[in-house]
Amino acid sequence: MKAKHPILKRGLHWGGSALAIIGIVFVALRLRNYSAEIDFSRFDVAAWIVIVGLAIIYGLSNLMLASAWRDLLQQFGASASRRWAIRIYGISQIARYVPGNIFHIAGRQAMGMSAGVPSWPLVKSAVWELGLISASGGLFGLLALPLIVPGLPVVISAMGFVAVMGITAGLLWRFLSLPVTRAFGWYAGFLAISGLLFVGVIELLVENPVNGGLSWLPFLGAYVLAWLAGLVTPGAPAGLGVRELVLLFLLNGVVGEADLLLAVVLGRLVTVVGDFLFFLISFVTPDKHSALEKKHG
């Protein structure tokens, strides 16, 4: 039975890589088909300033991921300074763009161990990170239900989302710990900001895409679901291709396809630039006086 696991692992990896390639090719072909309708001249200096601003906000929101990782390390017996956590997390996180989707985790493990953190808390924190952020992202899917279930009021999906998020946080606090609950909150905050930034890109491209009230929430939910699909797909570096494919599926018909394709491309630009900015912030963050306080027990 053990011999089958490497084969299954390789199969999932290659399958995920194939899906990522299919997504990239699909988006490229659709962009080519709509190239005559996509007018880049509409972006003046002010629009590009807005896009850069969105990228900066996304880059800074990655600080939430580093804070969540620090909380998980604390949960499993290794307490680190905030500066150290930001530096290690940010420097290693850029490796998400290397095909394989695991090198950022391996890099964090190696850098953490070289700084004196025991290997087991690092391994546990990586596993719990994936579990918590996946659970949080899945709950955001409630906001996208009006896109999947025609006629479902947005207010109902929003109320369900708030209720389930609150219940989940309460259960984590009651049965696990405050650090795990905080980590869950950091992940939810990061995903909410990421989705809002995508809504901002849509607003920049499409005139009156949101008809007031809570009608922007399904866009946010769709983005987070697409982000989650990219996260859990093996072999897709930073969800490249997969995220775009899911967004086109969920929002097709809600936003004109030409505008949606451009929004997908600009959304990816915002996240790539933001991730690079976070890497630079982490790289220049001093790690003096960031000795780890190891807990026992």
Protein backbone atom coordinates (compact mmCIF):
# COMPACT_ATOMS: atom_id res chain seq x y z
CA MET A 1 0.00 0.00 0.00
CA LYS A 2 2.83 2.38 0.81
CA ALA A 3 4.19 2.14 -2.70
CA LYS A 4 1.01 3.62 -4.04
CA HIS A 5 1.27 6.87 -2.09
CA PRO A 6 4.17 8.36 -4.10
CA ILE A 7 2.33 7.49 -7.30
CA LEU A 8 -0.84 9.16 -6.02
CA LYS A 9 1.14 12.18 -4.87
CA ARG A 10 2.82 12.54 -8.26
CA GLY A 11 -0.53 12.08 -9.98
CA LEU A 12 -2.13 14.87 -7.94
CA HIS A 13 0.86 17.13 -8.56
CA TRP A 14 0.84 16.60 -12.32
CA GLY A 15 -2.94 16.86 -12.42
CA GLY A 16 -2.84 20.19 -10.60
CA SER A 17 -0.06 21.44 -12.86
CA ALA A 18 -2.08 20.42 -15.92
CA LEU A 19 -5.13 22.25 -14.57
CA ALA A 20 -3.01 25.36 -13.98
CA ILE A 21 -1.65 25.22 -17.53
CA ILE A 22 -5.15 24.71 -18.94
CA GLY A 23 -6.35 27.74 -16.98
CA ILE A 24 -3.49 29.93 -18.21
CA VAL A 25 -4.01 28.84 -21.82
CA PHE A 26 -7.78 29.34 -21.55
CA VAL A 27 -7.40 32.87 -20.19
CA ALA A 28 -4.77 33.69 -22.83
CA LEU A 29 -7.01 32.44 -25.65
CA ARG A 30 -10.02 34.33 -24.34
CA LEU A 31 -7.93 37.49 -24.04
CA ARG A 32 -6.85 37.02 -27.62
CA ASN A 33 -10.47 36.65 -28.75
CA TYR A 34 -11.48 39.80 -26.90
CA SER A 35 -8.33 41.79 -27.64
CA ALA A 36 -10.26 44.15 -29.91
CA GLU A 37 -12.74 44.90 -27.12
CA ILE A 38 -10.19 45.39 -24.35
CA ASP A 39 -9.16 49.02 -24.38
CA PHE A 40 -6.08 49.68 -22.26
CA SER A 41 -6.16 53.34 -23.26
CA ARG A 42 -8.97 53.88 -20.76
CA PHE A 43 -6.39 53.59 -17.97
CA ASP A 44 -5.04 57.03 -17.27
CA VAL A 45 -2.42 57.91 -14.68
CA ALA A 46 -5.06 58.11 -11.93
CA ALA A 47 -6.27 54.57 -12.72
CA TRP A 48 -2.75 53.16 -12.55
CA ILE A 49 -2.20 54.97 -9.26
CA VAL A 50 -5.32 53.24 -7.93
CA ILE A 51 -4.01 49.85 -9.12
CA VAL A 52 -0.65 50.48 -7.44
CA GLY A 53 -2.52 51.51 -4.29
CA LEU A 54 -4.48 48.24 -4.34
CA ALA A 55 -1.22 46.30 -4.71
CA ILE A 56 0.28 48.11 -1.71
CA ILE A 57 -2.79 47.32 0.39
CA TYR A 58 -2.57 43.67 -0.66
CA GLY A 59 1.12 43.55 0.21
CA LEU A 60 0.47 45.00 3.67
CA SER A 61 -2.43 42.59 4.23
CA ASN A 62 0.11 39.76 4.09
CA LEU A 63 1.19 40.94 7.53
CA MET A 64 -1.99 39.24 8.74
CA LEU A 65 -0.70 35.90 7.42
CA ALA A 66 2.59 36.37 9.25
CA SER A 67 0.70 37.27 12.45
CA ALA A 68 -1.44 34.15 12.12
CA TRP A 69 1.68 32.00 11.68
CA ARG A 70 3.18 33.57 14.81
CA ASP A 71 0.02 32.70 16.75
CA LEU A 72 0.17 29.10 15.54
CA LEU A 73 3.81 28.83 16.56
CA GLN A 74 2.78 30.06 20.00
CA GLN A 75 0.01 27.46 20.09
CA PHE A 76 2.54 24.68 19.50
CA GLY A 77 5.17 25.81 21.96
CA ALA A 78 7.48 28.21 20.14
CA SER A 79 7.05 31.92 20.78
CA ALA A 80 8.68 34.32 18.32
CA SER A 81 8.91 38.08 18.02
CA ARG A 82 6.61 39.78 15.54
CA ARG A 83 9.52 41.14 13.49
CA TRP A 84 11.12 37.72 13.21
CA ALA A 85 7.83 36.12 12.13
CA ILE A 86 7.28 38.80 9.46
CA ARG A 87 10.82 38.43 8.12
CA ILE A 88 10.81 34.63 7.90
CA TYR A 89 7.25 34.38 6.60
CA GLY A 90 7.66 37.09 3.96
CA ILE A 91 10.99 35.90 2.62
CA SER A 92 9.83 32.31 2.33
CA GLN A 93 6.35 33.16 0.99
CA ILE A 94 7.63 34.43 -2.35
CA ALA A 95 8.55 30.81 -3.17
CA ARG A 96 4.82 30.14 -3.70
CA TYR A 97 5.44 31.15 -7.30
CA VAL A 98 7.86 28.26 -7.82
CA PRO A 99 6.04 25.32 -9.49
CA GLY A 100 5.17 22.70 -6.92
CA ASN A 101 3.36 24.92 -4.42
CA ILE A 102 5.36 23.57 -1.47
CA PHE A 103 8.67 25.42 -1.58
CA HIS A 104 7.44 28.31 0.58
CA ILE A 105 6.59 25.79 3.32
CA ALA A 106 9.92 24.01 2.94
CA GLY A 107 11.76 27.33 3.04
CA ARG A 108 9.92 28.43 6.17
CA GLN A 109 10.74 25.11 7.81
CA ALA A 110 14.44 25.41 6.98
CA MET A 111 14.71 29.07 8.03
CA GLY A 112 12.81 28.42 11.24
CA MET A 113 14.97 25.47 12.22
CA SER A 114 18.15 27.42 11.44
CA ALA A 115 16.91 30.07 13.89
CA GLY A 116 16.47 27.48 16.60
CA VAL A 117 12.76 26.68 16.35
CA PRO A 118 12.07 22.95 16.91
CA SER A 119 10.91 21.20 13.76
CA TRP A 120 7.65 19.86 15.18
CA PRO A 121 6.00 23.25 15.94
CA LEU A 122 6.97 24.38 12.44
CA VAL A 123 5.40 21.30 10.86
CA LYS A 124 2.24 21.62 12.96
CA SER A 125 1.91 25.32 12.18
CA ALA A 126 2.11 24.63 8.43
CA VAL A 127 -0.59 21.95 8.62
CA TRP A 128 -2.86 24.08 10.77
CA GLU A 129 -2.30 27.07 8.55
CA LEU A 130 -3.59 25.16 5.54
CA GLY A 131 -6.53 23.80 7.52
CA LEU A 132 -7.60 27.10 9.08
CA ILE A 133 -7.25 29.22 5.98
CA SER A 134 -9.07 26.59 3.91
CA ALA A 135 -11.89 26.45 6.46
CA SER A 136 -12.13 30.23 6.52
CA GLY A 137 -12.07 30.43 2.73
CA GLY A 138 -14.75 27.78 2.46
CA LEU A 139 -17.04 29.79 4.73
CA PHE A 140 -16.63 32.80 2.45
CA GLY A 141 -18.27 30.64 -0.18
CA LEU A 142 -21.57 31.38 1.56
CA LEU A 143 -21.31 34.91 0.20
CA ALA A 144 -21.08 33.56 -3.35
CA LEU A 145 -24.26 31.47 -3.05
CA PRO A 146 -26.45 34.07 -4.86
CA LEU A 147 -24.24 33.52 -7.92
CA ILE A 148 -24.88 29.77 -7.78
CA VAL A 149 -28.47 29.73 -6.50
CA PRO A 150 -30.49 32.24 -8.55
CA GLY A 151 -33.04 34.12 -6.49
CA LEU A 152 -31.27 33.67 -3.17
CA PRO A 153 -31.24 37.09 -1.45
CA VAL A 154 -27.75 38.44 -0.76
CA VAL A 155 -28.83 39.48 2.73
CA ILE A 156 -29.64 35.85 3.60
CA SER A 157 -26.22 34.60 2.47
CA ALA A 158 -24.55 37.49 4.33
CA MET A 159 -26.39 36.72 7.56
CA GLY A 160 -25.52 33.05 7.22
CA PHE A 161 -21.88 33.94 6.67
CA VAL A 162 -21.69 36.18 9.74
CA ALA A 163 -23.45 33.57 11.90
CA VAL A 164 -21.26 30.66 10.79
CA MET A 165 -18.04 32.68 11.14
CA GLY A 166 -19.05 33.70 14.65
CA ILE A 167 -19.97 30.15 15.64
CA THR A 168 -16.69 28.81 14.22
CA ALA A 169 -14.62 31.38 16.11
CA GLY A 170 -16.52 30.60 19.32
CA LEU A 171 -15.93 26.86 18.94
CA LEU A 172 -12.22 27.37 18.29
CA TRP A 173 -11.93 29.53 21.39
CA ARG A 174 -13.96 27.11 23.53
CA PHE A 175 -12.34 23.84 22.49
CA LEU A 176 -8.86 24.88 21.31
CA SER A 177 -7.27 28.18 22.35
CA LEU A 178 -7.12 31.93 21.94
CA PRO A 179 -4.02 31.81 19.63
CA VAL A 180 -5.82 29.46 17.21
CA THR A 181 -8.90 31.70 17.28
CA ARG A 182 -6.75 34.75 16.58
CA ALA A 183 -5.08 32.94 13.67
CA PHE A 184 -8.51 32.12 12.24
CA GLY A 185 -9.43 35.79 12.55
CA TRP A 186 -6.23 36.91 10.81
CA TYR A 187 -6.94 34.55 7.91
CA ALA A 188 -10.53 35.75 7.62
CA GLY A 189 -9.32 39.35 7.61
CA PHE A 190 -6.74 38.66 4.91
CA LEU A 191 -9.30 36.93 2.70
CA ALA A 192 -11.85 39.71 3.22
CA ILE A 193 -9.33 42.37 2.18
CA SER A 194 -8.24 40.30 -0.84
CA GLY A 195 -11.84 39.96 -1.97
CA LEU A 196 -12.53 43.66 -1.45
CA LEU A 197 -9.50 44.55 -3.57
CA PHE A 198 -10.91 42.43 -6.40
CA VAL A 199 -14.23 44.25 -6.00
CA GLY A 200 -12.22 47.46 -6.33
CA VAL A 201 -10.71 46.23 -9.61
CA ILE A 202 -14.20 45.40 -10.91
CA GLU A 203 -15.42 48.87 -9.90
CA LEU A 204 -12.48 50.42 -11.72
CA LEU A 205 -13.33 48.62 -14.96
CA VAL A 206 -17.10 48.39 -15.08
CA GLU A 207 -19.54 51.26 -14.76
CA ASN A 208 -22.00 50.58 -11.93
CA PRO A 209 -21.26 46.82 -11.54
CA VAL A 210 -22.60 46.95 -7.98
CA ASN A 211 -26.17 48.13 -7.55
CA GLY A 212 -25.82 49.41 -4.03
CA GLY A 213 -26.59 47.67 -0.76
CA LEU A 214 -24.84 44.36 -0.23
CA SER A 215 -24.65 43.41 -3.92
CA TRP A 216 -20.84 43.53 -3.82
CA LEU A 217 -20.64 40.61 -1.38
CA PRO A 218 -21.05 37.83 -4.01
CA PHE A 219 -18.06 39.27 -5.90
CA LEU A 220 -16.02 39.07 -2.71
CA GLY A 221 -17.16 35.51 -2.06
CA ALA A 222 -16.40 34.46 -5.64
CA TYR A 223 -12.86 35.80 -5.40
CA VAL A 224 -12.16 34.00 -2.12
CA LEU A 225 -13.53 30.72 -3.50
CA ALA A 226 -11.31 31.11 -6.56
CA TRP A 227 -8.35 31.90 -4.31
CA LEU A 228 -9.07 28.79 -2.24
CA ALA A 229 -9.30 26.61 -5.35
CA GLY A 230 -5.86 27.83 -6.39
CA LEU A 231 -4.48 27.23 -2.90
CA VAL A 232 -5.56 23.60 -2.61
CA THR A 233 -4.68 22.59 -6.18
CA PRO A 234 -1.35 20.70 -6.08
CA GLY A 235 1.30 21.83 -8.53
CA ALA A 236 -0.29 25.22 -9.33
CA PRO A 237 2.23 27.92 -8.30
CA ALA A 238 0.31 30.57 -6.31
CA GLY A 239 -2.90 29.15 -7.83
CA LEU A 240 -1.85 30.46 -11.24
CA GLY A 241 -4.47 29.58 -13.85
CA VAL A 242 -6.80 27.82 -11.43
CA ARG A 243 -7.93 31.01 -9.68
CA GLU A 244 -8.61 32.69 -13.00
CA LEU A 245 -10.58 29.71 -14.32
CA VAL A 246 -12.87 29.61 -11.27
CA LEU A 247 -13.49 33.38 -11.41
CA LEU A 248 -14.50 33.16 -15.05
CA PHE A 249 -16.89 30.33 -14.21
CA LEU A 250 -18.52 32.06 -11.23
CA LEU A 251 -18.81 35.57 -12.67
CA ASN A 252 -19.51 34.81 -16.31
CA GLY A 253 -22.77 36.50 -17.20
CA VAL A 254 -22.63 38.78 -14.17
CA VAL A 255 -19.85 40.91 -15.67
CA GLY A 256 -19.19 41.26 -19.40
CA GLU A 257 -16.58 38.69 -20.43
CA ALA A 258 -14.15 41.21 -21.88
CA ASP A 259 -14.25 43.29 -18.68
CA LEU A 260 -14.09 40.15 -16.54
CA LEU A 261 -10.99 38.89 -18.34
CA LEU A 262 -9.27 42.22 -17.86
CA ALA A 263 -10.31 42.25 -14.19
CA VAL A 264 -8.82 38.78 -13.74
CA VAL A 265 -5.53 39.87 -15.31
CA LEU A 266 -5.37 43.09 -13.27
CA GLY A 267 -6.32 41.19 -10.12
CA ARG A 268 -3.38 38.86 -10.67
CA LEU A 269 -1.13 41.88 -11.29
CA VAL A 270 -2.23 43.38 -7.97
CA THR A 271 -1.44 40.18 -6.04
CA VAL A 272 1.92 39.56 -7.73
CA VAL A 273 3.11 43.13 -7.13
CA GLY A 274 1.71 43.00 -3.59
CA ASP A 275 3.51 39.74 -2.82
CA PHE A 276 6.76 41.21 -4.11
CA LEU A 277 6.29 44.33 -1.97
CA PHE A 278 5.67 42.13 1.07
CA PHE A 279 8.87 40.23 0.26
CA LEU A 280 10.79 43.52 0.17
CA ILE A 281 9.24 44.64 3.46
CA SER A 282 10.16 41.32 5.05
CA PHE A 283 13.67 41.37 3.61
CA VAL A 284 14.48 44.77 5.10
CA THR A 285 12.77 44.04 8.44
CA PRO A 286 15.60 43.77 11.00
CA ASP A 287 15.67 40.56 13.00
CA LYS A 288 18.02 41.79 15.72
CA HIS A 289 16.58 41.34 19.21
CA SER A 290 14.21 38.67 17.80
CA ALA A 291 15.49 35.72 19.75
CA LEU A 292 12.96 32.96 20.08
CA GLU A 293 11.52 32.10 23.44
CA LYS A 294 10.99 28.38 23.42
CA LYS A 295 8.25 27.05 25.60
CA HIS A 296 8.26 23.61 27.04
CA GLY A 297 5.32 21.36 27.63
